[in-house]
Amino acid sequence: MTSLKSLLVDSPVSQAGYLYATTVGFVWGFIWSTGRIERHDGLFVFRGMPTWAFRRGGSCVGACYLTAQNVSDDVLDHEGVHRRQWQRYGMLFPLLYLAAGLDPTKNRYEIEAGLEKGGYL
């Protein structure tokens, strides 16, 4: 019998959630981005976003990274890990992320992505 975890994590269900989140990220990015849009290791980077349109220095939604100009190589590597987290967990990811806490230094998903690369240390 298939467990709930195998149904929701690294599964067609999580892939569908990842694709949905990516679509939402694309729409949000195309509406508000005023800068270059580029691709970096599978991550679509939307620059020139207004600061109210994302959290902290930028936000990863599916395969989309939304930011004003926070695009160093370290930050893009950090956001690439978040992209893979979206792939693994799909639409569970925002809930799991919130449950892990908003303090990035204690949030397991930020720690996995690299606190230093994310600019938290």
PDB file of N, CA and C in Angstrom:
ATOM      1  N   MET A   1       0.832  -1.178   0.000  1.00  0.00           N
ATOM      2  CA  MET A   1       0.000   0.000   0.000  1.00  0.00           C
ATOM      3  C   MET A   1       0.885   1.254   0.000  1.00  0.00           C
ATOM      4  N   THR A   2       0.528   2.234  -0.796  1.00  0.00           N
ATOM      5  CA  THR A   2       1.309   3.447  -0.939  1.00  0.00           C
ATOM      6  C   THR A   2       1.085   4.361   0.256  1.00  0.00           C
ATOM      7  N   SER A   3       2.169   4.838   0.827  1.00  0.00           N
ATOM      8  CA  SER A   3       2.043   5.760   1.961  1.00  0.00           C
ATOM      9  C   SER A   3       1.692   7.151   1.459  1.00  0.00           C
ATOM     10  N   LEU A   4       1.161   7.951   2.351  1.00  0.00           N
ATOM     11  CA  LEU A   4       0.794   9.321   2.009  1.00  0.00           C
ATOM     12  C   LEU A   4       2.025  10.107   1.583  1.00  0.00           C
ATOM     13  N   LYS A   5       3.160   9.882   2.255  1.00  0.00           N
ATOM     14  CA  LYS A   5       4.387  10.595   1.909  1.00  0.00           C
ATOM     15  C   LYS A   5       4.807  10.293   0.480  1.00  0.00           C
ATOM     16  N   SER A   6       4.778   9.018   0.081  1.00  0.00           N
ATOM     17  CA  SER A   6       5.200   8.681  -1.282  1.00  0.00           C
ATOM     18  C   SER A   6       4.211   9.198  -2.319  1.00  0.00           C
ATOM     19  N   LEU A   7       2.985   9.457  -1.905  1.00  0.00           N
ATOM     20  CA  LEU A   7       1.990  10.026  -2.812  1.00  0.00           C
ATOM     21  C   LEU A   7       2.211  11.527  -3.018  1.00  0.00           C
ATOM     22  N   LEU A   8       2.705  12.211  -1.964  1.00  0.00           N
ATOM     23  CA  LEU A   8       2.798  13.671  -1.999  1.00  0.00           C
ATOM     24  C   LEU A   8       4.196  14.231  -2.213  1.00  0.00           C
ATOM     25  N   VAL A   9       5.244  13.454  -1.921  1.00  0.00           N
ATOM     26  CA  VAL A   9       6.621  13.940  -1.993  1.00  0.00           C
ATOM     27  C   VAL A   9       7.349  13.233  -3.130  1.00  0.00           C
ATOM     28  N   ASP A  10       8.043  14.022  -3.965  1.00  0.00           N
ATOM     29  CA  ASP A  10       8.749  13.470  -5.131  1.00  0.00           C
ATOM     30  C   ASP A  10       7.820  12.577  -5.946  1.00  0.00           C
ATOM     31  N   SER A  11       6.674  13.103  -6.299  1.00  0.00           N
ATOM     32  CA  SER A  11       5.645  12.314  -6.957  1.00  0.00           C
ATOM     33  C   SER A  11       5.000  13.131  -8.076  1.00  0.00           C
ATOM     34  N   PRO A  12       4.148  12.511  -8.854  1.00  0.00           N
ATOM     35  CA  PRO A  12       3.393  13.292  -9.847  1.00  0.00           C
ATOM     36  C   PRO A  12       2.549  14.398  -9.198  1.00  0.00           C
ATOM     37  N   VAL A  13       2.078  14.172  -7.988  1.00  0.00           N
ATOM     38  CA  VAL A  13       1.296  15.203  -7.284  1.00  0.00           C
ATOM     39  C   VAL A  13       2.190  16.402  -6.956  1.00  0.00           C
ATOM     40  N   SER A  14       3.380  16.147  -6.430  1.00  0.00           N
ATOM     41  CA  SER A  14       4.282  17.262  -6.114  1.00  0.00           C
ATOM     42  C   SER A  14       4.747  17.953  -7.394  1.00  0.00           C
ATOM     43  N   GLN A  15       4.953  17.199  -8.456  1.00  0.00           N
ATOM     44  CA  GLN A  15       5.347  17.792  -9.746  1.00  0.00           C
ATOM     45  C   GLN A  15       4.251  18.717 -10.266  1.00  0.00           C
ATOM     46  N   ALA A  16       3.003  18.308 -10.133  1.00  0.00           N
ATOM     47  CA  ALA A  16       1.883  19.163 -10.556  1.00  0.00           C
ATOM     48  C   ALA A  16       1.851  20.446  -9.726  1.00  0.00           C
ATOM     49  N   GLY A  17       2.091  20.340  -8.430  1.00  0.00           N
ATOM     50  CA  GLY A  17       2.139  21.518  -7.573  1.00  0.00           C
ATOM     51  C   GLY A  17       3.282  22.444  -7.942  1.00  0.00           C
ATOM     52  N   TYR A  18       4.421  21.866  -8.260  1.00  0.00           N
ATOM     53  CA  TYR A  18       5.593  22.641  -8.694  1.00  0.00           C
ATOM     54  C   TYR A  18       5.279  23.391  -9.991  1.00  0.00           C
ATOM     55  N   LEU A  19       4.646  22.720 -10.932  1.00  0.00           N
ATOM     56  CA  LEU A  19       4.294  23.371 -12.200  1.00  0.00           C
ATOM     57  C   LEU A  19       3.257  24.471 -11.979  1.00  0.00           C
ATOM     58  N   TYR A  20       2.304  24.237 -11.092  1.00  0.00           N
ATOM     59  CA  TYR A  20       1.314  25.268 -10.765  1.00  0.00           C
ATOM     60  C   TYR A  20       2.004  26.487 -10.144  1.00  0.00           C
ATOM     61  N   ALA A  21       2.884  26.250  -9.158  1.00  0.00           N
ATOM     62  CA  ALA A  21       3.600  27.343  -8.504  1.00  0.00           C
ATOM     63  C   ALA A  21       4.454  28.106  -9.511  1.00  0.00           C
ATOM     64  N   THR A  22       5.096  27.381 -10.425  1.00  0.00           N
ATOM     65  CA  THR A  22       5.906  28.030 -11.453  1.00  0.00           C
ATOM     66  C   THR A  22       5.038  28.918 -12.335  1.00  0.00           C
ATOM     67  N   THR A  23       3.856  28.453 -12.674  1.00  0.00           N
ATOM     68  CA  THR A  23       2.930  29.261 -13.472  1.00  0.00           C
ATOM     69  C   THR A  23       2.550  30.533 -12.725  1.00  0.00           C
ATOM     70  N   VAL A  24       2.244  30.406 -11.438  1.00  0.00           N
ATOM     71  CA  VAL A  24       1.916  31.578 -10.621  1.00  0.00           C
ATOM     72  C   VAL A  24       3.111  32.533 -10.579  1.00  0.00           C
ATOM     73  N   GLY A  25       4.315  31.991 -10.378  1.00  0.00           N
ATOM     74  CA  GLY A  25       5.523  32.818 -10.356  1.00  0.00           C
ATOM     75  C   GLY A  25       5.747  33.547 -11.669  1.00  0.00           C
ATOM     76  N   PHE A  26       5.518  32.840 -12.795  1.00  0.00           N
ATOM     77  CA  PHE A  26       5.663  33.471 -14.104  1.00  0.00           C
ATOM     78  C   PHE A  26       4.678  34.616 -14.273  1.00  0.00           C
ATOM     79  N   VAL A  27       3.438  34.389 -13.940  1.00  0.00           N
ATOM     80  CA  VAL A  27       2.420  35.433 -14.088  1.00  0.00           C
ATOM     81  C   VAL A  27       2.798  36.640 -13.229  1.00  0.00           C
ATOM     82  N   TRP A  28       3.135  36.400 -11.956  1.00  0.00           N
ATOM     83  CA  TRP A  28       3.505  37.478 -11.043  1.00  0.00           C
ATOM     84  C   TRP A  28       4.743  38.212 -11.565  1.00  0.00           C
ATOM     85  N   GLY A  29       5.725  37.450 -12.019  1.00  0.00           N
ATOM     86  CA  GLY A  29       6.950  38.055 -12.543  1.00  0.00           C
ATOM     87  C   GLY A  29       6.710  38.869 -13.803  1.00  0.00           C
ATOM     88  N   PHE A  30       5.933  38.349 -14.737  1.00  0.00           N
ATOM     89  CA  PHE A  30       5.660  39.085 -15.971  1.00  0.00           C
ATOM     90  C   PHE A  30       4.860  40.358 -15.708  1.00  0.00           C
ATOM     91  N   ILE A  31       3.970  40.319 -14.733  1.00  0.00           N
ATOM     92  CA  ILE A  31       3.179  41.511 -14.421  1.00  0.00           C
ATOM     93  C   ILE A  31       4.055  42.608 -13.816  1.00  0.00           C
ATOM     94  N   TRP A  32       4.931  42.261 -12.873  1.00  0.00           N
ATOM     95  CA  TRP A  32       5.613  43.276 -12.076  1.00  0.00           C
ATOM     96  C   TRP A  32       7.088  43.495 -12.401  1.00  0.00           C
ATOM     97  N   SER A  33       7.728  42.576 -13.109  1.00  0.00           N
ATOM     98  CA  SER A  33       9.158  42.730 -13.384  1.00  0.00           C
ATOM     99  C   SER A  33       9.397  43.866 -14.378  1.00  0.00           C
ATOM    100  N   THR A  34      10.360  44.726 -14.050  1.00  0.00           N
ATOM    101  CA  THR A  34      10.750  45.806 -14.966  1.00  0.00           C
ATOM    102  C   THR A  34      12.179  45.623 -15.440  1.00  0.00           C
ATOM    103  N   GLY A  35      12.829  44.561 -15.002  1.00  0.00           N
ATOM    104  CA  GLY A  35      14.223  44.320 -15.355  1.00  0.00           C
ATOM    105  C   GLY A  35      14.356  43.133 -16.280  1.00  0.00           C
ATOM    106  N   ARG A  36      15.581  42.689 -16.406  1.00  0.00           N
ATOM    107  CA  ARG A  36      15.861  41.523 -17.236  1.00  0.00           C
ATOM    108  C   ARG A  36      15.226  40.279 -16.649  1.00  0.00           C
ATOM    109  N   ILE A  37      14.798  39.400 -17.538  1.00  0.00           N
ATOM    110  CA  ILE A  37      14.339  38.067 -17.146  1.00  0.00           C
ATOM    111  C   ILE A  37      15.343  37.108 -17.762  1.00  0.00           C
ATOM    112  N   GLU A  38      15.937  36.266 -16.934  1.00  0.00           N
ATOM    113  CA  GLU A  38      16.960  35.349 -17.440  1.00  0.00           C
ATOM    114  C   GLU A  38      16.814  33.988 -16.783  1.00  0.00           C
ATOM    115  N   ARG A  39      17.548  33.034 -17.298  1.00  0.00           N
ATOM    116  CA  ARG A  39      17.518  31.673 -16.758  1.00  0.00           C
ATOM    117  C   ARG A  39      18.874  31.351 -16.162  1.00  0.00           C
ATOM    118  N   HIS A  40      18.861  30.760 -14.985  1.00  0.00           N
ATOM    119  CA  HIS A  40      20.099  30.381 -14.297  1.00  0.00           C
ATOM    120  C   HIS A  40      19.911  28.993 -13.707  1.00  0.00           C
ATOM    121  N   ASP A  41      20.521  27.994 -14.310  1.00  0.00           N
ATOM    122  CA  ASP A  41      20.450  26.608 -13.822  1.00  0.00           C
ATOM    123  C   ASP A  41      19.019  26.168 -13.511  1.00  0.00           C
ATOM    124  N   GLY A  42      18.104  26.385 -14.440  1.00  0.00           N
ATOM    125  CA  GLY A  42      16.728  25.950 -14.273  1.00  0.00           C
ATOM    126  C   GLY A  42      15.841  26.915 -13.511  1.00  0.00           C
ATOM    127  N   LEU A  43      16.423  28.013 -13.039  1.00  0.00           N
ATOM    128  CA  LEU A  43      15.685  29.013 -12.271  1.00  0.00           C
ATOM    129  C   LEU A  43      15.429  30.220 -13.170  1.00  0.00           C
ATOM    130  N   PHE A  44      14.179  30.635 -13.288  1.00  0.00           N
ATOM    131  CA  PHE A  44      13.834  31.841 -14.039  1.00  0.00           C
ATOM    132  C   PHE A  44      13.937  33.021 -13.076  1.00  0.00           C
ATOM    133  N   VAL A  45      14.796  33.968 -13.422  1.00  0.00           N
ATOM    134  CA  VAL A  45      15.084  35.096 -12.538  1.00  0.00           C
ATOM    135  C   VAL A  45      14.389  36.341 -13.081  1.00  0.00           C
ATOM    136  N   PHE A  46      13.461  36.872 -12.295  1.00  0.00           N
ATOM    137  CA  PHE A  46      12.726  38.088 -12.647  1.00  0.00           C
ATOM    138  C   PHE A  46      13.291  39.236 -11.814  1.00  0.00           C
ATOM    139  N   ARG A  47      14.016  40.141 -12.466  1.00  0.00           N
ATOM    140  CA  ARG A  47      14.607  41.306 -11.796  1.00  0.00           C
ATOM    141  C   ARG A  47      13.675  42.502 -11.897  1.00  0.00           C
ATOM    142  N   GLY A  48      13.970  43.505 -11.098  1.00  0.00           N
ATOM    143  CA  GLY A  48      13.222  44.748 -11.176  1.00  0.00           C
ATOM    144  C   GLY A  48      11.834  44.669 -10.575  1.00  0.00           C
ATOM    145  N   MET A  49      11.623  43.695  -9.692  1.00  0.00           N
ATOM    146  CA  MET A  49      10.323  43.567  -9.029  1.00  0.00           C
ATOM    147  C   MET A  49      10.204  44.657  -7.958  1.00  0.00           C
ATOM    148  N   PRO A  50       9.003  45.209  -7.752  1.00  0.00           N
ATOM    149  CA  PRO A  50       8.838  46.145  -6.634  1.00  0.00           C
ATOM    150  C   PRO A  50       9.027  45.390  -5.315  1.00  0.00           C
ATOM    151  N   THR A  51       9.567  46.061  -4.324  1.00  0.00           N
ATOM    152  CA  THR A  51       9.918  45.372  -3.077  1.00  0.00           C
ATOM    153  C   THR A  51       8.709  44.812  -2.335  1.00  0.00           C
ATOM    154  N   TRP A  52       7.530  45.324  -2.566  1.00  0.00           N
ATOM    155  CA  TRP A  52       6.350  44.795  -1.900  1.00  0.00           C
ATOM    156  C   TRP A  52       5.870  43.482  -2.546  1.00  0.00           C
ATOM    157  N   ALA A  53       6.426  43.117  -3.700  1.00  0.00           N
ATOM    158  CA  ALA A  53       5.952  41.953  -4.453  1.00  0.00           C
ATOM    159  C   ALA A  53       6.638  40.644  -4.045  1.00  0.00           C
ATOM    160  N   PHE A  54       7.539  40.699  -3.071  1.00  0.00           N
ATOM    161  CA  PHE A  54       8.248  39.502  -2.606  1.00  0.00           C
ATOM    162  C   PHE A  54       8.689  39.733  -1.172  1.00  0.00           C
ATOM    163  N   ARG A  55       9.153  38.663  -0.519  1.00  0.00           N
ATOM    164  CA  ARG A  55       9.650  38.765   0.867  1.00  0.00           C
ATOM    165  C   ARG A  55      11.158  38.864   0.885  1.00  0.00           C
ATOM    166  N   ARG A  56      11.681  39.471   1.908  1.00  0.00           N
ATOM    167  CA  ARG A  56      13.120  39.597   2.155  1.00  0.00           C
ATOM    168  C   ARG A  56      13.824  40.123   0.911  1.00  0.00           C
ATOM    169  N   GLY A  57      14.941  39.477   0.494  1.00  0.00           N
ATOM    170  CA  GLY A  57      15.676  39.939  -0.686  1.00  0.00           C
ATOM    171  C   GLY A  57      15.102  39.426  -1.982  1.00  0.00           C
ATOM    172  N   GLY A  58      14.207  38.457  -1.888  1.00  0.00           N
ATOM    173  CA  GLY A  58      13.579  37.859  -3.061  1.00  0.00           C
ATOM    174  C   GLY A  58      12.834  36.613  -2.643  1.00  0.00           C
ATOM    175  N   SER A  59      11.972  36.122  -3.518  1.00  0.00           N
ATOM    176  CA  SER A  59      11.191  34.926  -3.211  1.00  0.00           C
ATOM    177  C   SER A  59      11.235  33.948  -4.375  1.00  0.00           C
ATOM    178  N   CYS A  60      11.332  32.683  -4.031  1.00  0.00           N
ATOM    179  CA  CYS A  60      11.286  31.619  -5.031  1.00  0.00           C
ATOM    180  C   CYS A  60       9.875  31.038  -5.021  1.00  0.00           C
ATOM    181  N   VAL A  61       9.255  31.032  -6.194  1.00  0.00           N
ATOM    182  CA  VAL A  61       7.919  30.446  -6.358  1.00  0.00           C
ATOM    183  C   VAL A  61       8.030  29.443  -7.500  1.00  0.00           C
ATOM    184  N   GLY A  62       8.041  28.157  -7.157  1.00  0.00           N
ATOM    185  CA  GLY A  62       8.273  27.135  -8.176  1.00  0.00           C
ATOM    186  C   GLY A  62       9.673  27.324  -8.746  1.00  0.00           C
ATOM    187  N   ALA A  63       9.768  27.486 -10.055  1.00  0.00           N
ATOM    188  CA  ALA A  63      11.057  27.684 -10.723  1.00  0.00           C
ATOM    189  C   ALA A  63      11.359  29.150 -10.964  1.00  0.00           C
ATOM    190  N   CYS A  64      10.629  30.059 -10.314  1.00  0.00           N
ATOM    191  CA  CYS A  64      10.793  31.495 -10.535  1.00  0.00           C
ATOM    192  C   CYS A  64      11.367  32.164  -9.294  1.00  0.00           C
ATOM    193  N   TYR A  65      12.390  32.963  -9.510  1.00  0.00           N
ATOM    194  CA  TYR A  65      12.962  33.772  -8.433  1.00  0.00           C
ATOM    195  C   TYR A  65      12.602  35.222  -8.713  1.00  0.00           C
ATOM    196  N   LEU A  66      11.889  35.836  -7.778  1.00  0.00           N
ATOM    197  CA  LEU A  66      11.372  37.193  -7.921  1.00  0.00           C
ATOM    198  C   LEU A  66      12.161  38.110  -7.004  1.00  0.00           C
ATOM    199  N   THR A  67      12.800  39.144  -7.570  1.00  0.00           N
ATOM    200  CA  THR A  67      13.654  40.021  -6.773  1.00  0.00           C
ATOM    201  C   THR A  67      13.767  41.395  -7.421  1.00  0.00           C
ATOM    202  N   ALA A  68      14.275  42.344  -6.644  1.00  0.00           N
ATOM    203  CA  ALA A  68      14.586  43.658  -7.213  1.00  0.00           C
ATOM    204  C   ALA A  68      15.917  43.529  -7.968  1.00  0.00           C
ATOM    205  N   GLN A  69      16.993  43.270  -7.243  1.00  0.00           N
ATOM    206  CA  GLN A  69      18.315  43.106  -7.869  1.00  0.00           C
ATOM    207  C   GLN A  69      19.226  42.173  -7.092  1.00  0.00           C
ATOM    208  N   ASN A  70      18.710  41.358  -6.200  1.00  0.00           N
ATOM    209  CA  ASN A  70      19.497  40.478  -5.343  1.00  0.00           C
ATOM    210  C   ASN A  70      19.860  39.211  -6.124  1.00  0.00           C
ATOM    211  N   VAL A  71      20.906  39.292  -6.960  1.00  0.00           N
ATOM    212  CA  VAL A  71      21.179  38.206  -7.905  1.00  0.00           C
ATOM    213  C   VAL A  71      22.641  37.765  -7.944  1.00  0.00           C
ATOM    214  N   SER A  72      23.323  37.790  -6.814  1.00  0.00           N
ATOM    215  CA  SER A  72      24.698  37.283  -6.794  1.00  0.00           C
ATOM    216  C   SER A  72      24.692  35.775  -7.073  1.00  0.00           C
ATOM    217  N   ASP A  73      25.832  35.247  -7.448  1.00  0.00           N
ATOM    218  CA  ASP A  73      25.937  33.804  -7.708  1.00  0.00           C
ATOM    219  C   ASP A  73      25.538  32.994  -6.476  1.00  0.00           C
ATOM    220  N   ASP A  74      25.966  33.442  -5.286  1.00  0.00           N
ATOM    221  CA  ASP A  74      25.608  32.725  -4.054  1.00  0.00           C
ATOM    222  C   ASP A  74      24.101  32.717  -3.845  1.00  0.00           C
ATOM    223  N   VAL A  75      23.463  33.853  -4.026  1.00  0.00           N
ATOM    224  CA  VAL A  75      22.010  33.938  -3.833  1.00  0.00           C
ATOM    225  C   VAL A  75      21.294  33.046  -4.853  1.00  0.00           C
ATOM    226  N   LEU A  76      21.757  33.052  -6.096  1.00  0.00           N
ATOM    227  CA  LEU A  76      21.105  32.214  -7.112  1.00  0.00           C
ATOM    228  C   LEU A  76      21.296  30.728  -6.812  1.00  0.00           C
ATOM    229  N   ASP A  77      22.449  30.357  -6.262  1.00  0.00           N
ATOM    230  CA  ASP A  77      22.640  28.962  -5.818  1.00  0.00           C
ATOM    231  C   ASP A  77      21.659  28.627  -4.699  1.00  0.00           C
ATOM    232  N   HIS A  78      21.513  29.536  -3.737  1.00  0.00           N
ATOM    233  CA  HIS A  78      20.591  29.368  -2.615  1.00  0.00           C
ATOM    234  C   HIS A  78      19.157  29.198  -3.136  1.00  0.00           C
ATOM    235  N   GLU A  79      18.750  30.043  -4.048  1.00  0.00           N
ATOM    236  CA  GLU A  79      17.392  29.972  -4.593  1.00  0.00           C
ATOM    237  C   GLU A  79      17.197  28.719  -5.443  1.00  0.00           C
ATOM    238  N   GLY A  80      18.266  28.236  -6.062  1.00  0.00           N
ATOM    239  CA  GLY A  80      18.190  26.982  -6.809  1.00  0.00           C
ATOM    240  C   GLY A  80      17.834  25.803  -5.907  1.00  0.00           C
ATOM    241  N   VAL A  81      18.315  25.835  -4.664  1.00  0.00           N
ATOM    242  CA  VAL A  81      17.944  24.791  -3.701  1.00  0.00           C
ATOM    243  C   VAL A  81      16.448  24.911  -3.385  1.00  0.00           C
ATOM    244  N   HIS A  82      15.967  26.129  -3.222  1.00  0.00           N
ATOM    245  CA  HIS A  82      14.528  26.311  -2.987  1.00  0.00           C
ATOM    246  C   HIS A  82      13.715  25.799  -4.176  1.00  0.00           C
ATOM    247  N   ARG A  83      14.202  26.013  -5.379  1.00  0.00           N
ATOM    248  CA  ARG A  83      13.506  25.474  -6.565  1.00  0.00           C
ATOM    249  C   ARG A  83      13.388  23.957  -6.461  1.00  0.00           C
ATOM    250  N   ARG A  84      14.454  23.293  -6.061  1.00  0.00           N
ATOM    251  CA  ARG A  84      14.419  21.832  -5.911  1.00  0.00           C
ATOM    252  C   ARG A  84      13.486  21.416  -4.758  1.00  0.00           C
ATOM    253  N   GLN A  85      13.408  22.250  -3.718  1.00  0.00           N
ATOM    254  CA  GLN A  85      12.460  21.975  -2.628  1.00  0.00           C
ATOM    255  C   GLN A  85      11.023  22.056  -3.153  1.00  0.00           C
ATOM    256  N   TRP A  86      10.751  23.053  -3.987  1.00  0.00           N
ATOM    257  CA  TRP A  86       9.425  23.138  -4.618  1.00  0.00           C
ATOM    258  C   TRP A  86       9.144  21.883  -5.438  1.00  0.00           C
ATOM    259  N   GLN A  87      10.133  21.404  -6.179  1.00  0.00           N
ATOM    260  CA  GLN A  87       9.949  20.179  -6.978  1.00  0.00           C
ATOM    261  C   GLN A  87       9.627  18.996  -6.081  1.00  0.00           C
ATOM    262  N   ARG A  88      10.316  18.895  -4.982  1.00  0.00           N
ATOM    263  CA  ARG A  88      10.135  17.744  -4.093  1.00  0.00           C
ATOM    264  C   ARG A  88       8.775  17.761  -3.393  1.00  0.00           C
ATOM    265  N   TYR A  89       8.376  18.934  -2.903  1.00  0.00           N
ATOM    266  CA  TYR A  89       7.182  19.021  -2.063  1.00  0.00           C
ATOM    267  C   TYR A  89       5.950  19.611  -2.754  1.00  0.00           C
ATOM    268  N   GLY A  90       6.127  20.242  -3.902  1.00  0.00           N
ATOM    269  CA  GLY A  90       4.991  20.843  -4.597  1.00  0.00           C
ATOM    270  C   GLY A  90       4.309  21.882  -3.727  1.00  0.00           C
ATOM    271  N   MET A  91       2.992  21.885  -3.749  1.00  0.00           N
ATOM    272  CA  MET A  91       2.232  22.893  -3.013  1.00  0.00           C
ATOM    273  C   MET A  91       2.245  22.658  -1.501  1.00  0.00           C
ATOM    274  N   LEU A  92       2.837  21.565  -1.045  1.00  0.00           N
ATOM    275  CA  LEU A  92       3.063  21.401   0.396  1.00  0.00           C
ATOM    276  C   LEU A  92       4.182  22.315   0.885  1.00  0.00           C
ATOM    277  N   PHE A  93       5.067  22.701  -0.029  1.00  0.00           N
ATOM    278  CA  PHE A  93       6.248  23.455   0.380  1.00  0.00           C
ATOM    279  C   PHE A  93       5.918  24.738   1.148  1.00  0.00           C
ATOM    280  N   PRO A  94       4.993  25.591   0.682  1.00  0.00           N
ATOM    281  CA  PRO A  94       4.713  26.798   1.481  1.00  0.00           C
ATOM    282  C   PRO A  94       4.225  26.481   2.896  1.00  0.00           C
ATOM    283  N   LEU A  95       3.445  25.433   3.037  1.00  0.00           N
ATOM    284  CA  LEU A  95       2.952  25.049   4.367  1.00  0.00           C
ATOM    285  C   LEU A  95       4.087  24.515   5.238  1.00  0.00           C
ATOM    286  N   LEU A  96       4.924  23.664   4.662  1.00  0.00           N
ATOM    287  CA  LEU A  96       6.061  23.126   5.402  1.00  0.00           C
ATOM    288  C   LEU A  96       7.029  24.235   5.797  1.00  0.00           C
ATOM    289  N   TYR A  97       7.239  25.175   4.875  1.00  0.00           N
ATOM    290  CA  TYR A  97       8.141  26.295   5.135  1.00  0.00           C
ATOM    291  C   TYR A  97       7.613  27.129   6.303  1.00  0.00           C
ATOM    292  N   LEU A  98       6.337  27.478   6.276  1.00  0.00           N
ATOM    293  CA  LEU A  98       5.752  28.266   7.366  1.00  0.00           C
ATOM    294  C   LEU A  98       5.806  27.517   8.691  1.00  0.00           C
ATOM    295  N   ALA A  99       5.552  26.208   8.650  1.00  0.00           N
ATOM    296  CA  ALA A  99       5.600  25.397   9.867  1.00  0.00           C
ATOM    297  C   ALA A  99       7.013  25.343  10.452  1.00  0.00           C
ATOM    298  N   ALA A 100       8.032  25.487   9.585  1.00  0.00           N
ATOM    299  CA  ALA A 100       9.421  25.471  10.046  1.00  0.00           C
ATOM    300  C   ALA A 100       9.814  26.792  10.705  1.00  0.00           C
ATOM    301  N   GLY A 101       8.985  27.813  10.580  1.00  0.00           N
ATOM    302  CA  GLY A 101       9.224  29.089  11.252  1.00  0.00           C
ATOM    303  C   GLY A 101       9.778  30.155  10.324  1.00  0.00           C
ATOM    304  N   LEU A 102       9.479  31.384  10.653  1.00  0.00           N
ATOM    305  CA  LEU A 102       9.893  32.510   9.809  1.00  0.00           C
ATOM    306  C   LEU A 102      11.291  33.026  10.116  1.00  0.00           C
ATOM    307  N   ASP A 103      11.904  32.548  11.194  1.00  0.00           N
ATOM    308  CA  ASP A 103      13.293  32.915  11.482  1.00  0.00           C
ATOM    309  C   ASP A 103      14.187  32.072  10.571  1.00  0.00           C
ATOM    310  N   PRO A 104      14.819  32.693   9.572  1.00  0.00           N
ATOM    311  CA  PRO A 104      15.589  31.906   8.606  1.00  0.00           C
ATOM    312  C   PRO A 104      16.735  31.126   9.235  1.00  0.00           C
ATOM    313  N   THR A 105      17.278  31.601  10.347  1.00  0.00           N
ATOM    314  CA  THR A 105      18.403  30.891  10.963  1.00  0.00           C
ATOM    315  C   THR A 105      17.976  29.609  11.657  1.00  0.00           C
ATOM    316  N   LYS A 106      16.659  29.419  11.822  1.00  0.00           N
ATOM    317  CA  LYS A 106      16.142  28.195  12.434  1.00  0.00           C
ATOM    318  C   LYS A 106      15.271  27.384  11.477  1.00  0.00           C
ATOM    319  N   ASN A 107      14.981  27.940  10.314  1.00  0.00           N
ATOM    320  CA  ASN A 107      14.118  27.279   9.334  1.00  0.00           C
ATOM    321  C   ASN A 107      14.923  26.225   8.575  1.00  0.00           C
ATOM    322  N   ARG A 108      14.504  24.974   8.665  1.00  0.00           N
ATOM    323  CA  ARG A 108      15.278  23.869   8.063  1.00  0.00           C
ATOM    324  C   ARG A 108      15.452  24.013   6.555  1.00  0.00           C
ATOM    325  N   TYR A 109      14.505  24.659   5.876  1.00  0.00           N
ATOM    326  CA  TYR A 109      14.592  24.815   4.420  1.00  0.00           C
ATOM    327  C   TYR A 109      15.595  25.900   4.042  1.00  0.00           C
ATOM    328  N   GLU A 110      15.705  26.939   4.865  1.00  0.00           N
ATOM    329  CA  GLU A 110      16.732  27.962   4.652  1.00  0.00           C
ATOM    330  C   GLU A 110      18.110  27.403   4.998  1.00  0.00           C
ATOM    331  N   ILE A 111      18.178  26.618   6.057  1.00  0.00           N
ATOM    332  CA  ILE A 111      19.451  25.999   6.435  1.00  0.00           C
ATOM    333  C   ILE A 111      19.921  25.069   5.321  1.00  0.00           C
ATOM    334  N   GLU A 112      19.001  24.263   4.775  1.00  0.00           N
ATOM    335  CA  GLU A 112      19.347  23.366   3.669  1.00  0.00           C
ATOM    336  C   GLU A 112      19.826  24.152   2.450  1.00  0.00           C
ATOM    337  N   ALA A 113      19.226  25.297   2.191  1.00  0.00           N
ATOM    338  CA  ALA A 113      19.611  26.114   1.036  1.00  0.00           C
ATOM    339  C   ALA A 113      20.926  26.859   1.267  1.00  0.00           C
ATOM    340  N   GLY A 114      21.338  26.965   2.517  1.00  0.00           N
ATOM    341  CA  GLY A 114      22.596  27.620   2.839  1.00  0.00           C
ATOM    342  C   GLY A 114      22.375  29.023   3.368  1.00  0.00           C
ATOM    343  N   LEU A 115      22.503  29.188   4.672  1.00  0.00           N
ATOM    344  CA  LEU A 115      22.267  30.487   5.295  1.00  0.00           C
ATOM    345  C   LEU A 115      23.237  31.550   4.805  1.00  0.00           C
ATOM    346  N   GLU A 116      24.503  31.185   4.665  1.00  0.00           N
ATOM    347  CA  GLU A 116      25.486  32.159   4.214  1.00  0.00           C
ATOM    348  C   GLU A 116      25.224  32.592   2.778  1.00  0.00           C
ATOM    349  N   LYS A 117      24.956  31.610   1.905  1.00  0.00           N
ATOM    350  CA  LYS A 117      24.667  31.952   0.506  1.00  0.00           C
ATOM    351  C   LYS A 117      23.397  32.778   0.372  1.00  0.00           C
ATOM    352  N   GLY A 118      22.458  32.568   1.282  1.00  0.00           N
ATOM    353  CA  GLY A 118      21.216  33.331   1.256  1.00  0.00           C
ATOM    354  C   GLY A 118      21.327  34.696   1.891  1.00  0.00           C
ATOM    355  N   GLY A 119      22.502  35.007   2.451  1.00  0.00           N
ATOM    356  CA  GLY A 119      22.719  36.314   3.061  1.00  0.00           C
ATOM    357  C   GLY A 119      22.176  36.433   4.470  1.00  0.00           C
ATOM    358  N   TYR A 120      21.968  35.304   5.143  1.00  0.00           N
ATOM    359  CA  TYR A 120      21.409  35.344   6.493  1.00  0.00           C
ATOM    360  C   TYR A 120      22.473  35.343   7.578  1.00  0.00           C
ATOM    361  N   LEU A 121      23.731  35.106   7.229  1.00  0.00           N
ATOM    362  CA  LEU A 121      24.813  35.110   8.236  1.00  0.00           C
ATOM    363  C   LEU A 121      25.790  36.246   7.942  1.00  0.00           C
TER     364      LEU A 121
END
